[in-house]
Amino acid sequence: MATILAPFQKLIGWYERVAAFGHGSVEKMTSAEALDIASRATTHVPVKVEPGLGFDAGAAVTVMPTDYAPDPVAGTLVGLTAHEAVIERLDERGGLLHVHFPRIGYQVKKVSTETA
């Protein structure tokens, strides 16, 4: 592998810096503990809906994988970039949550407001 990557010294330097981060430490917790932490959160990571991506902030949307488990997750769009979709949803156990999804392998759809 070293021979293949030899021409890419900047890539090797980046890899070495990332490897130096290590894997951190794992702290096991129960799902109840995780929900408790989520329910006590008072802030969210700042996100925004970037223009030109076909959606507006505040739109009712669903997000779901395109290749497995086609269970749509519904919420209000609060963040959208070329790399990430973020919806806000109220969970009875976790409280007000921002759920982050990658854009690759996921689809975002507007919820139809038409009635039959």
N, C-alpha and C. Protein backbone atom coordinates (compact mmCIF):
# COMPACT_ATOMS: atom_id res chain seq x y z
N MET A 1 0.82 -1.18 0.00
CA MET A 1 0.00 0.00 0.00
C MET A 1 0.87 1.26 0.00
N ALA A 2 1.99 1.21 0.69
CA ALA A 2 2.88 2.37 0.76
C ALA A 2 3.34 2.79 -0.64
N THR A 3 3.59 1.82 -1.51
CA THR A 3 4.03 2.12 -2.87
C THR A 3 2.93 2.83 -3.65
N ILE A 4 1.72 2.37 -3.48
CA ILE A 4 0.59 2.97 -4.20
C ILE A 4 0.37 4.41 -3.75
N LEU A 5 0.49 4.66 -2.45
CA LEU A 5 0.22 5.99 -1.92
C LEU A 5 1.44 6.92 -1.92
N ALA A 6 2.59 6.42 -2.27
CA ALA A 6 3.83 7.22 -2.22
C ALA A 6 3.71 8.56 -2.95
N PRO A 7 3.05 8.64 -4.10
CA PRO A 7 2.96 9.93 -4.79
C PRO A 7 2.02 10.93 -4.09
N PHE A 8 1.29 10.47 -3.11
CA PHE A 8 0.27 11.31 -2.48
C PHE A 8 0.66 11.65 -1.04
N GLN A 9 1.73 12.43 -0.91
CA GLN A 9 2.26 12.76 0.41
C GLN A 9 1.27 13.55 1.27
N LYS A 10 0.50 14.42 0.65
CA LYS A 10 -0.50 15.17 1.43
C LYS A 10 -1.57 14.23 1.99
N LEU A 11 -1.96 13.25 1.20
CA LEU A 11 -2.93 12.26 1.67
C LEU A 11 -2.35 11.45 2.83
N ILE A 12 -1.11 11.05 2.71
CA ILE A 12 -0.46 10.29 3.78
C ILE A 12 -0.39 11.14 5.05
N GLY A 13 -0.06 12.42 4.91
CA GLY A 13 -0.01 13.31 6.07
C GLY A 13 -1.37 13.45 6.73
N TRP A 14 -2.41 13.58 5.90
CA TRP A 14 -3.78 13.66 6.43
C TRP A 14 -4.13 12.39 7.18
N TYR A 15 -3.83 11.24 6.58
CA TYR A 15 -4.15 9.96 7.22
C TYR A 15 -3.44 9.83 8.57
N GLU A 16 -2.20 10.24 8.62
CA GLU A 16 -1.44 10.16 9.88
C GLU A 16 -2.06 11.07 10.95
N ARG A 17 -2.52 12.24 10.55
CA ARG A 17 -3.17 13.14 11.52
C ARG A 17 -4.49 12.55 12.02
N VAL A 18 -5.26 11.97 11.12
CA VAL A 18 -6.53 11.35 11.52
C VAL A 18 -6.27 10.15 12.43
N ALA A 19 -5.29 9.33 12.08
CA ALA A 19 -4.96 8.16 12.90
C ALA A 19 -4.50 8.58 14.29
N ALA A 20 -3.87 9.74 14.40
CA ALA A 20 -3.40 10.21 15.70
C ALA A 20 -4.55 10.56 16.64
N PHE A 21 -5.74 10.84 16.08
CA PHE A 21 -6.90 11.11 16.94
C PHE A 21 -7.22 9.90 17.80
N GLY A 22 -6.96 8.72 17.27
CA GLY A 22 -7.31 7.50 17.98
C GLY A 22 -8.80 7.22 17.86
N HIS A 23 -9.23 6.24 18.61
CA HIS A 23 -10.63 5.82 18.55
C HIS A 23 -11.44 6.32 19.74
N GLY A 24 -10.80 7.12 20.60
CA GLY A 24 -11.53 7.63 21.76
C GLY A 24 -11.82 6.51 22.73
N SER A 25 -12.74 6.76 23.63
CA SER A 25 -13.12 5.73 24.59
C SER A 25 -14.62 5.51 24.48
N VAL A 26 -15.00 4.27 24.59
CA VAL A 26 -16.40 3.89 24.49
C VAL A 26 -16.99 3.84 25.89
N GLU A 27 -18.11 4.49 26.03
CA GLU A 27 -18.85 4.41 27.29
C GLU A 27 -20.19 3.78 26.98
N LYS A 28 -20.40 2.59 27.48
CA LYS A 28 -21.67 1.90 27.23
C LYS A 28 -22.77 2.57 28.05
N MET A 29 -23.95 2.65 27.41
CA MET A 29 -25.11 3.17 28.12
C MET A 29 -26.33 2.44 27.60
N THR A 30 -27.35 2.44 28.39
CA THR A 30 -28.60 1.82 27.97
C THR A 30 -29.37 2.79 27.08
N SER A 31 -30.36 2.28 26.38
CA SER A 31 -31.18 3.16 25.55
C SER A 31 -31.92 4.17 26.42
N ALA A 32 -32.32 3.77 27.63
CA ALA A 32 -32.99 4.70 28.55
C ALA A 32 -32.06 5.84 28.93
N GLU A 33 -30.77 5.55 29.14
CA GLU A 33 -29.80 6.60 29.47
C GLU A 33 -29.62 7.55 28.29
N ALA A 34 -29.56 7.00 27.08
CA ALA A 34 -29.40 7.84 25.89
C ALA A 34 -30.62 8.74 25.70
N LEU A 35 -31.81 8.20 25.90
CA LEU A 35 -33.02 9.01 25.79
C LEU A 35 -33.07 10.09 26.85
N ASP A 36 -32.58 9.79 28.05
CA ASP A 36 -32.54 10.79 29.11
C ASP A 36 -31.63 11.95 28.72
N ILE A 37 -30.47 11.64 28.16
CA ILE A 37 -29.54 12.68 27.71
C ILE A 37 -30.20 13.53 26.63
N ALA A 38 -30.84 12.87 25.66
CA ALA A 38 -31.51 13.61 24.57
C ALA A 38 -32.61 14.50 25.10
N SER A 39 -33.37 14.00 26.06
CA SER A 39 -34.51 14.78 26.56
C SER A 39 -34.06 16.00 27.36
N ARG A 40 -32.84 15.97 27.89
CA ARG A 40 -32.34 17.10 28.67
C ARG A 40 -31.56 18.11 27.82
N ALA A 41 -31.33 17.80 26.55
CA ALA A 41 -30.59 18.72 25.67
C ALA A 41 -31.38 20.00 25.49
N THR A 42 -30.70 21.12 25.58
CA THR A 42 -31.38 22.41 25.43
C THR A 42 -30.97 23.15 24.16
N THR A 43 -29.96 22.65 23.46
CA THR A 43 -29.51 23.29 22.22
C THR A 43 -29.25 22.22 21.17
N HIS A 44 -29.18 22.66 19.95
CA HIS A 44 -28.85 21.78 18.82
C HIS A 44 -27.69 22.40 18.05
N VAL A 45 -26.97 21.57 17.32
CA VAL A 45 -25.91 22.06 16.45
C VAL A 45 -26.55 22.98 15.41
N PRO A 46 -26.00 24.17 15.19
CA PRO A 46 -26.59 25.08 14.19
C PRO A 46 -26.55 24.46 12.79
N VAL A 47 -27.67 24.51 12.11
CA VAL A 47 -27.79 24.01 10.73
C VAL A 47 -28.62 25.01 9.93
N LYS A 48 -28.56 24.90 8.61
CA LYS A 48 -29.39 25.76 7.76
C LYS A 48 -29.72 25.02 6.48
N VAL A 49 -30.78 25.46 5.86
CA VAL A 49 -31.18 24.92 4.55
C VAL A 49 -30.53 25.80 3.51
N GLU A 50 -29.60 25.21 2.75
CA GLU A 50 -28.90 25.98 1.71
C GLU A 50 -29.83 26.21 0.52
N PRO A 51 -29.76 27.38 -0.09
CA PRO A 51 -30.62 27.67 -1.24
C PRO A 51 -30.24 26.83 -2.46
N GLY A 52 -31.22 26.64 -3.32
CA GLY A 52 -30.97 25.96 -4.59
C GLY A 52 -31.06 24.45 -4.53
N LEU A 53 -31.50 23.89 -3.40
CA LEU A 53 -31.57 22.44 -3.29
C LEU A 53 -33.01 21.92 -3.38
N GLY A 54 -33.95 22.82 -3.68
CA GLY A 54 -35.32 22.41 -3.93
C GLY A 54 -36.22 22.32 -2.71
N PHE A 55 -35.73 22.75 -1.56
CA PHE A 55 -36.51 22.68 -0.33
C PHE A 55 -36.37 23.99 0.44
N ASP A 56 -37.38 24.29 1.24
CA ASP A 56 -37.33 25.46 2.10
C ASP A 56 -37.29 25.04 3.56
N ALA A 57 -36.64 25.82 4.37
CA ALA A 57 -36.63 25.56 5.81
C ALA A 57 -38.07 25.57 6.31
N GLY A 58 -38.38 24.66 7.19
CA GLY A 58 -39.72 24.57 7.76
C GLY A 58 -40.67 23.67 7.00
N ALA A 59 -40.20 23.12 5.87
CA ALA A 59 -41.06 22.23 5.07
C ALA A 59 -41.26 20.91 5.80
N ALA A 60 -42.47 20.37 5.67
CA ALA A 60 -42.75 19.03 6.19
C ALA A 60 -42.17 18.03 5.19
N VAL A 61 -41.28 17.15 5.66
CA VAL A 61 -40.60 16.21 4.78
C VAL A 61 -40.53 14.83 5.43
N THR A 62 -40.18 13.85 4.60
CA THR A 62 -39.77 12.54 5.09
C THR A 62 -38.39 12.26 4.55
N VAL A 63 -37.62 11.50 5.31
CA VAL A 63 -36.29 11.08 4.89
C VAL A 63 -36.23 9.57 5.06
N MET A 64 -35.67 8.88 4.05
CA MET A 64 -35.53 7.43 4.18
C MET A 64 -34.42 6.92 3.27
N PRO A 65 -33.86 5.77 3.64
CA PRO A 65 -32.81 5.18 2.80
C PRO A 65 -33.37 4.79 1.44
N THR A 66 -32.51 4.79 0.44
CA THR A 66 -32.94 4.41 -0.90
C THR A 66 -32.70 2.94 -1.19
N ASP A 67 -31.96 2.26 -0.31
CA ASP A 67 -31.61 0.88 -0.63
C ASP A 67 -32.00 -0.16 0.42
N TYR A 68 -32.48 0.25 1.57
CA TYR A 68 -32.88 -0.72 2.60
C TYR A 68 -33.85 -0.03 3.56
N ALA A 69 -34.55 -0.80 4.36
CA ALA A 69 -35.44 -0.28 5.40
C ALA A 69 -36.20 0.96 4.96
N PRO A 70 -37.07 0.81 3.96
CA PRO A 70 -37.77 1.99 3.45
C PRO A 70 -38.85 2.51 4.41
N ASP A 71 -38.44 2.83 5.61
CA ASP A 71 -39.33 3.42 6.60
C ASP A 71 -39.09 4.92 6.63
N PRO A 72 -40.02 5.72 6.13
CA PRO A 72 -39.79 7.16 6.14
C PRO A 72 -39.84 7.73 7.55
N VAL A 73 -38.94 8.66 7.82
CA VAL A 73 -38.92 9.39 9.09
C VAL A 73 -39.42 10.79 8.78
N ALA A 74 -40.51 11.18 9.43
CA ALA A 74 -41.15 12.46 9.15
C ALA A 74 -40.69 13.52 10.13
N GLY A 75 -40.61 14.75 9.63
CA GLY A 75 -40.26 15.87 10.48
C GLY A 75 -40.26 17.17 9.72
N THR A 76 -39.78 18.20 10.37
CA THR A 76 -39.69 19.53 9.78
C THR A 76 -38.25 19.77 9.34
N LEU A 77 -38.05 20.16 8.10
CA LEU A 77 -36.71 20.37 7.59
C LEU A 77 -36.07 21.60 8.24
N VAL A 78 -34.94 21.38 8.90
CA VAL A 78 -34.21 22.50 9.53
C VAL A 78 -32.80 22.65 8.98
N GLY A 79 -32.31 21.62 8.28
CA GLY A 79 -30.97 21.69 7.71
C GLY A 79 -30.89 20.88 6.43
N LEU A 80 -30.24 21.43 5.42
CA LEU A 80 -30.06 20.71 4.17
C LEU A 80 -28.85 21.26 3.44
N THR A 81 -27.90 20.38 3.16
CA THR A 81 -26.74 20.73 2.35
C THR A 81 -26.56 19.61 1.33
N ALA A 82 -25.53 19.70 0.53
CA ALA A 82 -25.23 18.63 -0.42
C ALA A 82 -24.83 17.34 0.30
N HIS A 83 -24.48 17.44 1.58
CA HIS A 83 -23.97 16.29 2.32
C HIS A 83 -24.88 15.79 3.42
N GLU A 84 -25.86 16.60 3.86
CA GLU A 84 -26.62 16.24 5.04
C GLU A 84 -28.04 16.81 4.99
N ALA A 85 -28.98 16.04 5.55
CA ALA A 85 -30.34 16.52 5.77
C ALA A 85 -30.62 16.41 7.26
N VAL A 86 -31.25 17.43 7.83
CA VAL A 86 -31.56 17.45 9.26
C VAL A 86 -33.03 17.77 9.43
N ILE A 87 -33.74 16.90 10.15
CA ILE A 87 -35.14 17.18 10.43
C ILE A 87 -35.33 17.33 11.93
N GLU A 88 -36.30 18.16 12.27
CA GLU A 88 -36.67 18.34 13.67
C GLU A 88 -37.94 17.54 13.89
N ARG A 89 -37.96 16.81 15.01
CA ARG A 89 -39.16 16.05 15.34
C ARG A 89 -39.31 15.96 16.84
N LEU A 90 -40.52 15.83 17.28
CA LEU A 90 -40.82 15.72 18.69
C LEU A 90 -41.04 14.26 19.02
N ASP A 91 -40.23 13.74 19.93
CA ASP A 91 -40.32 12.35 20.34
C ASP A 91 -40.82 12.32 21.78
N GLU A 92 -41.79 11.48 22.05
CA GLU A 92 -42.38 11.45 23.40
C GLU A 92 -41.36 11.09 24.47
N ARG A 93 -40.34 10.36 24.13
CA ARG A 93 -39.32 9.98 25.12
C ARG A 93 -38.09 10.87 25.06
N GLY A 94 -37.70 11.30 23.86
CA GLY A 94 -36.47 12.07 23.70
C GLY A 94 -36.65 13.57 23.66
N GLY A 95 -37.89 14.02 23.54
CA GLY A 95 -38.15 15.45 23.47
C GLY A 95 -37.97 15.97 22.05
N LEU A 96 -37.60 17.24 21.94
CA LEU A 96 -37.40 17.88 20.64
C LEU A 96 -36.02 17.51 20.12
N LEU A 97 -35.99 16.78 19.02
CA LEU A 97 -34.73 16.24 18.48
C LEU A 97 -34.44 16.79 17.09
N HIS A 98 -33.17 16.90 16.77
CA HIS A 98 -32.71 17.13 15.40
C HIS A 98 -32.05 15.83 14.96
N VAL A 99 -32.60 15.22 13.93
CA VAL A 99 -32.11 13.95 13.43
C VAL A 99 -31.33 14.23 12.15
N HIS A 100 -30.06 13.80 12.13
CA HIS A 100 -29.16 14.06 11.00
C HIS A 100 -29.07 12.81 10.12
N PHE A 101 -29.18 13.02 8.81
CA PHE A 101 -29.07 11.94 7.82
C PHE A 101 -28.04 12.34 6.77
N PRO A 102 -27.27 11.37 6.27
CA PRO A 102 -26.39 11.69 5.12
C PRO A 102 -27.26 11.85 3.88
N ARG A 103 -26.79 12.58 2.90
CA ARG A 103 -27.54 12.71 1.65
C ARG A 103 -27.31 11.50 0.75
N ILE A 104 -26.09 10.96 0.78
CA ILE A 104 -25.80 9.80 -0.06
C ILE A 104 -26.55 8.60 0.50
N GLY A 105 -27.34 7.97 -0.34
CA GLY A 105 -28.09 6.79 0.06
C GLY A 105 -29.42 7.09 0.74
N TYR A 106 -29.79 8.36 0.83
CA TYR A 106 -31.06 8.75 1.44
C TYR A 106 -31.80 9.70 0.53
N GLN A 107 -33.12 9.67 0.62
CA GLN A 107 -33.92 10.60 -0.16
C GLN A 107 -34.76 11.47 0.76
N VAL A 108 -34.92 12.70 0.36
CA VAL A 108 -35.76 13.66 1.08
C VAL A 108 -36.95 13.94 0.19
N LYS A 109 -38.15 13.81 0.77
CA LYS A 109 -39.37 14.06 0.00
C LYS A 109 -40.25 15.02 0.77
N LYS A 110 -40.86 15.94 0.03
CA LYS A 110 -41.84 16.84 0.63
C LYS A 110 -43.09 16.03 0.95
N VAL A 111 -43.69 16.32 2.08
CA VAL A 111 -44.95 15.67 2.46
C VAL A 111 -46.06 16.37 1.71
N SER A 112 -46.86 15.60 1.03
CA SER A 112 -47.97 16.16 0.27
C SER A 112 -49.01 16.72 1.21
N THR A 113 -49.47 17.92 0.92
CA THR A 113 -50.51 18.55 1.74
C THR A 113 -51.88 18.46 1.08
N GLU A 114 -51.92 17.76 -0.06
CA GLU A 114 -53.19 17.60 -0.77
C GLU A 114 -54.07 16.60 -0.03
N THR A 115 -55.34 16.84 -0.03
CA THR A 115 -56.30 15.90 0.56
C THR A 115 -57.14 15.31 -0.54
N ALA A 116 -57.58 14.09 -0.32
CA ALA A 116 -58.37 13.40 -1.36
C ALA A 116 -59.81 13.78 -1.32
